[in-house]
Structure formats: C-alpha cells, structure tokens
Full PDB file with SEQRES, HELIX, SHEET, SSBOND, CRYST1, ORIGX, SCALE, CONECT and MASTER records, all heavy atoms in Angstrom:
SEQRES   1 A   38  LEU VAL ASP ASP VAL LEU ASP PRO LEU ARG LYS ALA TRP          
SEQRES   2 A   38  GLY ARG PRO LEU VAL VAL SER SER GLY TYR ARG CYS PRO          
SEQRES   3 A   38  ALA LEU ASN ALA ALA VAL GLY GLY SER ARG THR SER              
HELIX    1 AA1 VAL A    2  LEU A    6  3                                   5    
HELIX    2 AA2 ASP A    7  TRP A   13  1                                   7    
HELIX    3 AA3 PRO A   26  ALA A   31  1                                   6    
CRYST1    1.000    1.000    1.000  90.00  90.00  90.00 P 1           1          
ORIGX1      1.000000  0.000000  0.000000        0.00000                         
ORIGX2      0.000000  1.000000  0.000000        0.00000                         
ORIGX3      0.000000  0.000000  1.000000        0.00000                         
SCALE1      1.000000  0.000000  0.000000        0.00000                         
SCALE2      0.000000  1.000000  0.000000        0.00000                         
SCALE3      0.000000  0.000000  1.000000        0.00000                         
ATOM      1  N   LEU A   1      64.876  87.884 112.301  1.00  0.00           N  
ATOM      2  CA  LEU A   1      65.556  88.799 111.398  1.00  0.00           C  
ATOM      3  C   LEU A   1      65.198  90.274 111.774  1.00  0.00           C  
ATOM      4  O   LEU A   1      66.077  91.142 111.828  1.00  0.00           O  
ATOM      5  CB  LEU A   1      65.356  88.462 109.927  1.00  0.00           C  
ATOM      6  CG  LEU A   1      65.950  89.367 108.929  1.00  0.00           C  
ATOM      7  CD1 LEU A   1      67.496  89.384 108.891  1.00  0.00           C  
ATOM      8  CD2 LEU A   1      65.460  89.047 107.495  1.00  0.00           C  
ATOM      9  N   VAL A   2      63.917  90.489 111.874  1.00  0.00           N  
ATOM     10  CA  VAL A   2      63.421  91.824 112.092  1.00  0.00           C  
ATOM     11  C   VAL A   2      63.847  92.260 113.578  1.00  0.00           C  
ATOM     12  O   VAL A   2      64.440  93.311 113.762  1.00  0.00           O  
ATOM     13  CB  VAL A   2      61.946  91.945 111.944  1.00  0.00           C  
ATOM     14  CG1 VAL A   2      61.362  93.185 112.509  1.00  0.00           C  
ATOM     15  CG2 VAL A   2      61.557  91.800 110.484  1.00  0.00           C  
ATOM     16  N   ASP A   3      63.514  91.465 114.551  1.00  0.00           N  
ATOM     17  CA  ASP A   3      63.837  91.758 115.907  1.00  0.00           C  
ATOM     18  C   ASP A   3      65.335  91.976 116.225  1.00  0.00           C  
ATOM     19  O   ASP A   3      65.676  92.864 116.941  1.00  0.00           O  
ATOM     20  CB  ASP A   3      63.236  90.698 116.874  1.00  0.00           C  
ATOM     21  CG  ASP A   3      61.759  90.718 116.896  1.00  0.00           C  
ATOM     22  OD1 ASP A   3      61.098  91.659 116.455  1.00  0.00           O  
ATOM     23  OD2 ASP A   3      61.175  89.679 117.459  1.00  0.00           O  
ATOM     24  N   ASP A   4      66.143  91.124 115.673  1.00  0.00           N  
ATOM     25  CA  ASP A   4      67.577  91.108 115.979  1.00  0.00           C  
ATOM     26  C   ASP A   4      68.376  91.974 115.105  1.00  0.00           C  
ATOM     27  O   ASP A   4      69.526  92.490 115.553  1.00  0.00           O  
ATOM     28  CB  ASP A   4      68.128  89.724 115.958  1.00  0.00           C  
ATOM     29  CG  ASP A   4      67.524  88.768 116.991  1.00  0.00           C  
ATOM     30  OD1 ASP A   4      66.851  89.252 117.869  1.00  0.00           O  
ATOM     31  OD2 ASP A   4      67.804  87.550 116.932  1.00  0.00           O  
ATOM     32  N   VAL A   5      67.913  92.227 113.857  1.00  0.00           N  
ATOM     33  CA  VAL A   5      68.805  92.997 112.907  1.00  0.00           C  
ATOM     34  C   VAL A   5      68.099  94.225 112.346  1.00  0.00           C  
ATOM     35  O   VAL A   5      68.635  95.364 112.434  1.00  0.00           O  
ATOM     36  CB  VAL A   5      69.282  92.022 111.810  1.00  0.00           C  
ATOM     37  CG1 VAL A   5      70.200  92.759 110.855  1.00  0.00           C  
ATOM     38  CG2 VAL A   5      69.957  90.811 112.300  1.00  0.00           C  
ATOM     39  N   LEU A   6      66.960  93.958 111.648  1.00  0.00           N  
ATOM     40  CA  LEU A   6      66.371  95.055 110.883  1.00  0.00           C  
ATOM     41  C   LEU A   6      65.793  96.184 111.762  1.00  0.00           C  
ATOM     42  O   LEU A   6      65.977  97.386 111.473  1.00  0.00           O  
ATOM     43  CB  LEU A   6      65.246  94.497 109.935  1.00  0.00           C  
ATOM     44  CG  LEU A   6      65.764  93.539 108.864  1.00  0.00           C  
ATOM     45  CD1 LEU A   6      64.638  93.074 107.975  1.00  0.00           C  
ATOM     46  CD2 LEU A   6      66.936  94.152 108.066  1.00  0.00           C  
ATOM     47  N   ASP A   7      65.048  95.884 112.754  1.00  0.00           N  
ATOM     48  CA  ASP A   7      64.511  96.901 113.643  1.00  0.00           C  
ATOM     49  C   ASP A   7      65.632  97.722 114.306  1.00  0.00           C  
ATOM     50  O   ASP A   7      65.459  98.958 114.315  1.00  0.00           O  
ATOM     51  CB  ASP A   7      63.487  96.296 114.632  1.00  0.00           C  
ATOM     52  CG  ASP A   7      62.088  96.320 114.153  1.00  0.00           C  
ATOM     53  OD1 ASP A   7      61.788  96.829 113.070  1.00  0.00           O  
ATOM     54  OD2 ASP A   7      61.205  95.849 114.925  1.00  0.00           O  
ATOM     55  N   PRO A   8      66.628  97.064 114.927  1.00  0.00           N  
ATOM     56  CA  PRO A   8      67.695  97.888 115.546  1.00  0.00           C  
ATOM     57  C   PRO A   8      68.398  98.773 114.428  1.00  0.00           C  
ATOM     58  O   PRO A   8      68.783  99.894 114.797  1.00  0.00           O  
ATOM     59  CB  PRO A   8      68.647  96.821 116.118  1.00  0.00           C  
ATOM     60  CG  PRO A   8      67.796  95.635 116.327  1.00  0.00           C  
ATOM     61  CD  PRO A   8      66.771  95.636 115.214  1.00  0.00           C  
ATOM     62  N   LEU A   9      68.583  98.249 113.278  1.00  0.00           N  
ATOM     63  CA  LEU A   9      69.236  99.044 112.205  1.00  0.00           C  
ATOM     64  C   LEU A   9      68.299 100.177 111.832  1.00  0.00           C  
ATOM     65  O   LEU A   9      68.813 101.381 111.798  1.00  0.00           O  
ATOM     66  CB  LEU A   9      69.462  98.108 111.007  1.00  0.00           C  
ATOM     67  CG  LEU A   9      70.055  98.854 109.810  1.00  0.00           C  
ATOM     68  CD1 LEU A   9      71.463  99.471 110.157  1.00  0.00           C  
ATOM     69  CD2 LEU A   9      70.248  97.829 108.616  1.00  0.00           C  
ATOM     70  N   ARG A  10      67.089 100.026 111.685  1.00  0.00           N  
ATOM     71  CA  ARG A  10      66.179 101.101 111.280  1.00  0.00           C  
ATOM     72  C   ARG A  10      66.081 102.099 112.430  1.00  0.00           C  
ATOM     73  O   ARG A  10      66.105 103.341 112.079  1.00  0.00           O  
ATOM     74  CB  ARG A  10      64.734 100.496 110.992  1.00  0.00           C  
ATOM     75  CG  ARG A  10      63.600 101.480 110.958  1.00  0.00           C  
ATOM     76  CD  ARG A  10      63.822 102.531 109.950  1.00  0.00           C  
ATOM     77  NE  ARG A  10      62.640 103.514 109.830  1.00  0.00           N  
ATOM     78  CZ  ARG A  10      62.547 104.577 110.703  1.00  0.00           C  
ATOM     79  NH1 ARG A  10      63.360 104.769 111.638  1.00  0.00           N  
ATOM     80  NH2 ARG A  10      61.447 105.255 110.517  1.00  0.00           N  
ATOM     81  N   LYS A  11      66.091 101.670 113.641  1.00  0.00           N  
ATOM     82  CA  LYS A  11      66.067 102.653 114.709  1.00  0.00           C  
ATOM     83  C   LYS A  11      67.334 103.546 114.728  1.00  0.00           C  
ATOM     84  O   LYS A  11      67.229 104.809 114.848  1.00  0.00           O  
ATOM     85  CB  LYS A  11      65.932 101.955 116.112  1.00  0.00           C  
ATOM     86  CG  LYS A  11      65.858 102.889 117.311  1.00  0.00           C  
ATOM     87  CD  LYS A  11      65.724 102.095 118.579  1.00  0.00           C  
ATOM     88  CE  LYS A  11      65.748 103.120 119.765  1.00  0.00           C  
ATOM     89  NZ  LYS A  11      65.571 102.465 121.024  1.00  0.00           N  
ATOM     90  N   ALA A  12      68.470 102.940 114.557  1.00  0.00           N  
ATOM     91  CA  ALA A  12      69.765 103.695 114.523  1.00  0.00           C  
ATOM     92  C   ALA A  12      69.821 104.556 113.302  1.00  0.00           C  
ATOM     93  O   ALA A  12      70.382 105.637 113.311  1.00  0.00           O  
ATOM     94  CB  ALA A  12      70.902 102.717 114.589  1.00  0.00           C  
ATOM     95  N   TRP A  13      69.237 104.069 112.205  1.00  0.00           N  
ATOM     96  CA  TRP A  13      69.309 104.832 110.931  1.00  0.00           C  
ATOM     97  C   TRP A  13      68.436 106.079 111.015  1.00  0.00           C  
ATOM     98  O   TRP A  13      68.848 107.147 110.496  1.00  0.00           O  
ATOM     99  CB  TRP A  13      68.875 103.911 109.822  1.00  0.00           C  
ATOM    100  CG  TRP A  13      69.022 104.468 108.421  1.00  0.00           C  
ATOM    101  CD1 TRP A  13      68.006 104.869 107.607  1.00  0.00           C  
ATOM    102  CD2 TRP A  13      70.204 104.787 107.687  1.00  0.00           C  
ATOM    103  NE1 TRP A  13      68.534 105.401 106.365  1.00  0.00           N  
ATOM    104  CE2 TRP A  13      69.899 105.328 106.418  1.00  0.00           C  
ATOM    105  CE3 TRP A  13      71.651 104.604 108.014  1.00  0.00           C  
ATOM    106  CZ2 TRP A  13      70.774 105.742 105.500  1.00  0.00           C  
ATOM    107  CZ3 TRP A  13      72.546 105.064 107.117  1.00  0.00           C  
ATOM    108  CH2 TRP A  13      72.134 105.551 105.884  1.00  0.00           C  
ATOM    109  N   GLY A  14      67.323 105.999 111.694  1.00  0.00           N  
ATOM    110  CA  GLY A  14      66.481 107.148 111.916  1.00  0.00           C  
ATOM    111  C   GLY A  14      65.594 107.541 110.740  1.00  0.00           C  
ATOM    112  O   GLY A  14      64.909 108.515 110.809  1.00  0.00           O  
ATOM    113  N   ARG A  15      65.564 106.762 109.685  1.00  0.00           N  
ATOM    114  CA  ARG A  15      64.749 107.064 108.465  1.00  0.00           C  
ATOM    115  C   ARG A  15      64.245 105.738 107.977  1.00  0.00           C  
ATOM    116  O   ARG A  15      64.841 104.636 108.203  1.00  0.00           O  
ATOM    117  CB  ARG A  15      65.553 107.766 107.420  1.00  0.00           C  
ATOM    118  CG  ARG A  15      66.132 109.053 107.878  1.00  0.00           C  
ATOM    119  CD  ARG A  15      66.872 109.798 106.707  1.00  0.00           C  
ATOM    120  NE  ARG A  15      67.844 108.985 106.088  1.00  0.00           N  
ATOM    121  CZ  ARG A  15      69.202 109.218 106.288  1.00  0.00           C  
ATOM    122  NH1 ARG A  15      69.620 110.263 106.898  1.00  0.00           N  
ATOM    123  NH2 ARG A  15      70.083 108.504 105.639  1.00  0.00           N  
ATOM    124  N   PRO A  16      63.242 105.762 107.205  1.00  0.00           N  
ATOM    125  CA  PRO A  16      62.669 104.495 106.540  1.00  0.00           C  
ATOM    126  C   PRO A  16      63.705 103.780 105.702  1.00  0.00           C  
ATOM    127  O   PRO A  16      64.600 104.385 105.104  1.00  0.00           O  
ATOM    128  CB  PRO A  16      61.490 104.981 105.714  1.00  0.00           C  
ATOM    129  CG  PRO A  16      61.086 106.216 106.322  1.00  0.00           C  
ATOM    130  CD  PRO A  16      62.360 106.882 106.808  1.00  0.00           C  
ATOM    131  N   LEU A  17      63.548 102.451 105.701  1.00  0.00           N  
ATOM    132  CA  LEU A  17      64.363 101.600 104.797  1.00  0.00           C  
ATOM    133  C   LEU A  17      63.384 100.757 103.966  1.00  0.00           C  
ATOM    134  O   LEU A  17      62.333 100.345 104.537  1.00  0.00           O  
ATOM    135  CB  LEU A  17      65.207 100.649 105.637  1.00  0.00           C  
ATOM    136  CG  LEU A  17      66.285 101.302 106.547  1.00  0.00           C  
ATOM    137  CD1 LEU A  17      66.961 100.314 107.511  1.00  0.00           C  
ATOM    138  CD2 LEU A  17      67.336 101.963 105.686  1.00  0.00           C  
ATOM    139  N   VAL A  18      63.683 100.480 102.697  1.00  0.00           N  
ATOM    140  CA  VAL A  18      62.844  99.692 101.886  1.00  0.00           C  
ATOM    141  C   VAL A  18      63.441  98.259 101.776  1.00  0.00           C  
ATOM    142  O   VAL A  18      64.619  98.131 101.488  1.00  0.00           O  
ATOM    143  CB  VAL A  18      62.776 100.339 100.465  1.00  0.00           C  
ATOM    144  CG1 VAL A  18      62.035  99.385  99.566  1.00  0.00           C  
ATOM    145  CG2 VAL A  18      62.077 101.679 100.536  1.00  0.00           C  
ATOM    146  N   VAL A  19      62.576  97.281 102.075  1.00  0.00           N  
ATOM    147  CA  VAL A  19      62.991  95.923 101.783  1.00  0.00           C  
ATOM    148  C   VAL A  19      62.540  95.572 100.347  1.00  0.00           C  
ATOM    149  O   VAL A  19      61.383  95.503 100.043  1.00  0.00           O  
ATOM    150  CB  VAL A  19      62.276  94.947 102.798  1.00  0.00           C  
ATOM    151  CG1 VAL A  19      62.549  93.484 102.432  1.00  0.00           C  
ATOM    152  CG2 VAL A  19      62.631  95.225 104.260  1.00  0.00           C  
ATOM    153  N   SER A  20      63.629  95.441  99.455  1.00  0.00           N  
ATOM    154  CA  SER A  20      63.260  95.135  98.133  1.00  0.00           C  
ATOM    155  C   SER A  20      63.021  93.635  97.873  1.00  0.00           C  
ATOM    156  O   SER A  20      62.445  93.246  96.885  1.00  0.00           O  
ATOM    157  CB  SER A  20      64.343  95.675  97.190  1.00  0.00           C  
ATOM    158  OG  SER A  20      65.573  95.069  97.556  1.00  0.00           O  
ATOM    159  N   SER A  21      63.543  92.795  98.744  1.00  0.00           N  
ATOM    160  CA  SER A  21      63.361  91.356  98.744  1.00  0.00           C  
ATOM    161  C   SER A  21      63.597  90.786 100.079  1.00  0.00           C  
ATOM    162  O   SER A  21      64.648  91.026 100.679  1.00  0.00           O  
ATOM    163  CB  SER A  21      64.318  90.728  97.693  1.00  0.00           C  
ATOM    164  OG  SER A  21      64.094  89.357  97.526  1.00  0.00           O  
ATOM    165  N   GLY A  22      62.642  90.084 100.537  1.00  0.00           N  
ATOM    166  CA  GLY A  22      62.718  89.386 101.833  1.00  0.00           C  
ATOM    167  C   GLY A  22      62.505  87.952 101.595  1.00  0.00           C  
ATOM    168  O   GLY A  22      63.315  87.286 100.865  1.00  0.00           O  
ATOM    169  N   TYR A  23      61.484  87.362 102.142  1.00  0.00           N  
ATOM    170  CA  TYR A  23      61.194  85.939 101.901  1.00  0.00           C  
ATOM    171  C   TYR A  23      60.896  85.612 100.484  1.00  0.00           C  
ATOM    172  O   TYR A  23      60.154  86.408  99.845  1.00  0.00           O  
ATOM    173  CB  TYR A  23      60.021  85.465 102.784  1.00  0.00           C  
ATOM    174  CG  TYR A  23      59.542  84.089 102.481  1.00  0.00           C  
ATOM    175  CD1 TYR A  23      60.327  82.960 102.875  1.00  0.00           C  
ATOM    176  CD2 TYR A  23      58.415  83.794 101.732  1.00  0.00           C  
ATOM    177  CE1 TYR A  23      59.933  81.719 102.600  1.00  0.00           C  
ATOM    178  CE2 TYR A  23      57.972  82.523 101.414  1.00  0.00           C  
ATOM    179  CZ  TYR A  23      58.847  81.474 101.853  1.00  0.00           C  
ATOM    180  OH  TYR A  23      58.445  80.196 101.537  1.00  0.00           O  
ATOM    181  N   ARG A  24      61.420  84.516 100.002  1.00  0.00           N  
ATOM    182  CA  ARG A  24      61.116  83.990  98.685  1.00  0.00           C  
ATOM    183  C   ARG A  24      60.902  82.484  98.742  1.00  0.00           C  
ATOM    184  O   ARG A  24      61.740  81.790  99.167  1.00  0.00           O  
ATOM    185  CB  ARG A  24      62.281  84.251  97.638  1.00  0.00           C  
ATOM    186  CG  ARG A  24      62.728  85.561  97.435  1.00  0.00           C  
ATOM    187  CD  ARG A  24      63.930  85.532  96.448  1.00  0.00           C  
ATOM    188  NE  ARG A  24      64.673  86.742  96.444  1.00  0.00           N  
ATOM    189  CZ  ARG A  24      65.975  86.792  96.293  1.00  0.00           C  
ATOM    190  NH1 ARG A  24      66.670  85.649  96.022  1.00  0.00           N  
ATOM    191  NH2 ARG A  24      66.643  87.969  96.285  1.00  0.00           N  
ATOM    192  N   CYS A  25      59.662  82.066  98.370  1.00  0.00           N  
ATOM    193  CA  CYS A  25      59.406  80.698  98.224  1.00  0.00           C  
ATOM    194  C   CYS A  25      60.288  80.206  97.099  1.00  0.00           C  
ATOM    195  O   CYS A  25      60.881  80.945  96.321  1.00  0.00           O  
ATOM    196  CB  CYS A  25      57.918  80.388  97.890  1.00  0.00           C  
ATOM    197  SG  CYS A  25      57.491  80.996  96.245  1.00  0.00           S  
ATOM    198  N   PRO A  26      60.516  78.862  97.070  1.00  0.00           N  
ATOM    199  CA  PRO A  26      61.426  78.275  96.002  1.00  0.00           C  
ATOM    200  C   PRO A  26      61.067  78.722  94.583  1.00  0.00           C  
ATOM    201  O   PRO A  26      61.980  79.028  93.803  1.00  0.00           O  
ATOM    202  CB  PRO A  26      61.333  76.788  96.161  1.00  0.00           C  
ATOM    203  CG  PRO A  26      61.051  76.665  97.696  1.00  0.00           C  
ATOM    204  CD  PRO A  26      60.151  77.820  97.942  1.00  0.00           C  
ATOM    205  N   ALA A  27      59.805  78.859  94.226  1.00  0.00           N  
ATOM    206  CA  ALA A  27      59.387  79.173  92.883  1.00  0.00           C  
ATOM    207  C   ALA A  27      59.739  80.637  92.579  1.00  0.00           C  
ATOM    208  O   ALA A  27      60.256  80.940  91.537  1.00  0.00           O  
ATOM    209  CB  ALA A  27      57.918  78.962  92.697  1.00  0.00           C  
ATOM    210  N   LEU A  28      59.553  81.470  93.579  1.00  0.00           N  
ATOM    211  CA  LEU A  28      59.964  82.908  93.407  1.00  0.00           C  
ATOM    212  C   LEU A  28      61.406  83.070  93.322  1.00  0.00           C  
ATOM    213  O   LEU A  28      61.934  83.790  92.481  1.00  0.00           O  
ATOM    214  CB  LEU A  28      59.341  83.764  94.574  1.00  0.00           C  
ATOM    215  CG  LEU A  28      59.703  85.250  94.512  1.00  0.00           C  
ATOM    216  CD1 LEU A  28      59.285  85.899  93.145  1.00  0.00           C  
ATOM    217  CD2 LEU A  28      59.112  86.006  95.752  1.00  0.00           C  
ATOM    218  N   ASN A  29      62.114  82.388  94.240  1.00  0.00           N  
ATOM    219  CA  ASN A  29      63.593  82.405  94.178  1.00  0.00           C  
ATOM    220  C   ASN A  29      64.135  82.071  92.848  1.00  0.00           C  
ATOM    221  O   ASN A  29      65.009  82.626  92.247  1.00  0.00           O  
ATOM    222  CB  ASN A  29      64.243  81.552  95.295  1.00  0.00           C  
ATOM    223  CG  ASN A  29      65.603  81.830  95.452  1.00  0.00           C  
ATOM    224  OD1 ASN A  29      66.087  82.906  95.865  1.00  0.00           O  
ATOM    225  ND2 ASN A  29      66.467  80.775  95.292  1.00  0.00           N  
ATOM    226  N   ALA A  30      63.640  80.954  92.206  1.00  0.00           N  
ATOM    227  CA  ALA A  30      63.970  80.502  90.928  1.00  0.00           C  
ATOM    228  C   ALA A  30      63.628  81.618  89.887  1.00  0.00           C  
ATOM    229  O   ALA A  30      64.404  81.876  88.970  1.00  0.00           O  
ATOM    230  CB  ALA A  30      63.348  79.181  90.555  1.00  0.00           C  
ATOM    231  N   ALA A  31      62.440  82.201  90.007  1.00  0.00           N  
ATOM    232  CA  ALA A  31      62.015  83.184  88.983  1.00  0.00           C  
ATOM    233  C   ALA A  31      62.914  84.393  88.948  1.00  0.00           C  
ATOM    234  O   ALA A  31      63.069  85.048  87.931  1.00  0.00           O  
ATOM    235  CB  ALA A  31      60.538  83.629  89.346  1.00  0.00           C  
ATOM    236  N   VAL A  32      63.490  84.796  90.131  1.00  0.00           N  
ATOM    237  CA  VAL A  32      64.365  85.919  90.196  1.00  0.00           C  
ATOM    238  C   VAL A  32      65.883  85.595  90.003  1.00  0.00           C  
ATOM    239  O   VAL A  32      66.683  86.451  90.121  1.00  0.00           O  
ATOM    240  CB  VAL A  32      64.188  86.792  91.443  1.00  0.00           C  
ATOM    241  CG1 VAL A  32      62.711  87.279  91.554  1.00  0.00           C  
ATOM    242  CG2 VAL A  32      64.548  86.000  92.679  1.00  0.00           C  
ATOM    243  N   GLY A  33      66.108  84.369  89.781  1.00  0.00           N  
ATOM    244  CA  GLY A  33      67.529  83.888  89.558  1.00  0.00           C  
ATOM    245  C   GLY A  33      68.341  83.849  90.872  1.00  0.00           C  
ATOM    246  O   GLY A  33      69.501  83.943  90.797  1.00  0.00           O  
ATOM    247  N   GLY A  34      67.687  83.574  91.999  1.00  0.00           N  
ATOM    248  CA  GLY A  34      68.338  83.495  93.267  1.00  0.00           C  
ATOM    249  C   GLY A  34      69.198  82.243  93.436  1.00  0.00           C  
ATOM    250  O   GLY A  34      68.943  81.224  92.685  1.00  0.00           O  
ATOM    251  N   SER A  35      70.118  82.224  94.300  1.00  0.00           N  
ATOM    252  CA  SER A  35      70.927  81.061  94.567  1.00  0.00           C  
ATOM    253  C   SER A  35      70.089  79.876  95.070  1.00  0.00           C  
ATOM    254  O   SER A  35      69.111  80.103  95.838  1.00  0.00           O  
ATOM    255  CB  SER A  35      71.940  81.426  95.724  1.00  0.00           C  
ATOM    256  OG  SER A  35      72.566  80.303  96.284  1.00  0.00           O  
ATOM    257  N   ARG A  36      70.460  78.682  94.741  1.00  0.00           N  
ATOM    258  CA  ARG A  36      69.693  77.552  95.154  1.00  0.00           C  
ATOM    259  C   ARG A  36      69.742  77.347  96.669  1.00  0.00           C  
ATOM    260  O   ARG A  36      68.969  76.580  97.255  1.00  0.00           O  
ATOM    261  CB  ARG A  36      70.161  76.239  94.409  1.00  0.00           C  
ATOM    262  CG  ARG A  36      69.777  76.219  92.936  1.00  0.00           C  
ATOM    263  CD  ARG A  36      70.298  75.016  92.303  1.00  0.00           C  
ATOM    264  NE  ARG A  36      71.714  75.057  92.133  1.00  0.00           N  
ATOM    265  CZ  ARG A  36      72.506  74.083  92.237  1.00  0.00           C  
ATOM    266  NH1 ARG A  36      72.137  72.884  92.532  1.00  0.00           N  
ATOM    267  NH2 ARG A  36      73.883  74.324  92.041  1.00  0.00           N  
ATOM    268  N   THR A  37      70.691  77.943  97.307  1.00  0.00           N  
ATOM    269  CA  THR A  37      70.835  77.846  98.793  1.00  0.00           C  
ATOM    270  C   THR A  37      70.559  79.167  99.495  1.00  0.00           C  
ATOM    271  O   THR A  37      70.925  79.329 100.632  1.00  0.00           O  
ATOM    272  CB  THR A  37      72.271  77.327  99.133  1.00  0.00           C  
ATOM    273  OG1 THR A  37      73.268  78.285  98.647  1.00  0.00           O  
ATOM    274  CG2 THR A  37      72.562  75.948  98.582  1.00  0.00           C  
ATOM    275  N   SER A  38      69.830  79.998  98.869  1.00  0.00           N  
ATOM    276  CA  SER A  38      69.538  81.378  99.368  1.00  0.00           C  
ATOM    277  C   SER A  38      68.895  81.347 100.707  1.00  0.00           C  
ATOM    278  O   SER A  38      67.881  80.637 100.967  1.00  0.00           O  
ATOM    279  CB  SER A  38      68.655  82.094  98.358  1.00  0.00           C  
ATOM    280  OG  SER A  38      68.282  83.365  98.914  1.00  0.00           O  
TER     281      SER A  38                                                      
MASTER        0    0    0    3    0    0    0    6  280    1    0    3          
END                                                                             
C-alpha cells in the first residue's frame, strides 16, 4: 500500500499527509464501527 500508492501520492502532493486510520485488527475494527469486510 505504501510503496504502490501512499508514497507516490505523498511525493506528488509535496506536503505531509496524516494517516488517521490504517491497519485495524478485528477488535479495533469492531470498536470503531468498521465494516465486517473492511
């Protein structure tokens, strides 16, 4: 994800980007109300 999408996007954007949510274990995903197939 980083190598193919996020790093190229950040490079082109030219400024920092904040990741507000990345990996979520199932318990965390449930805690934040994420999709069961997230």
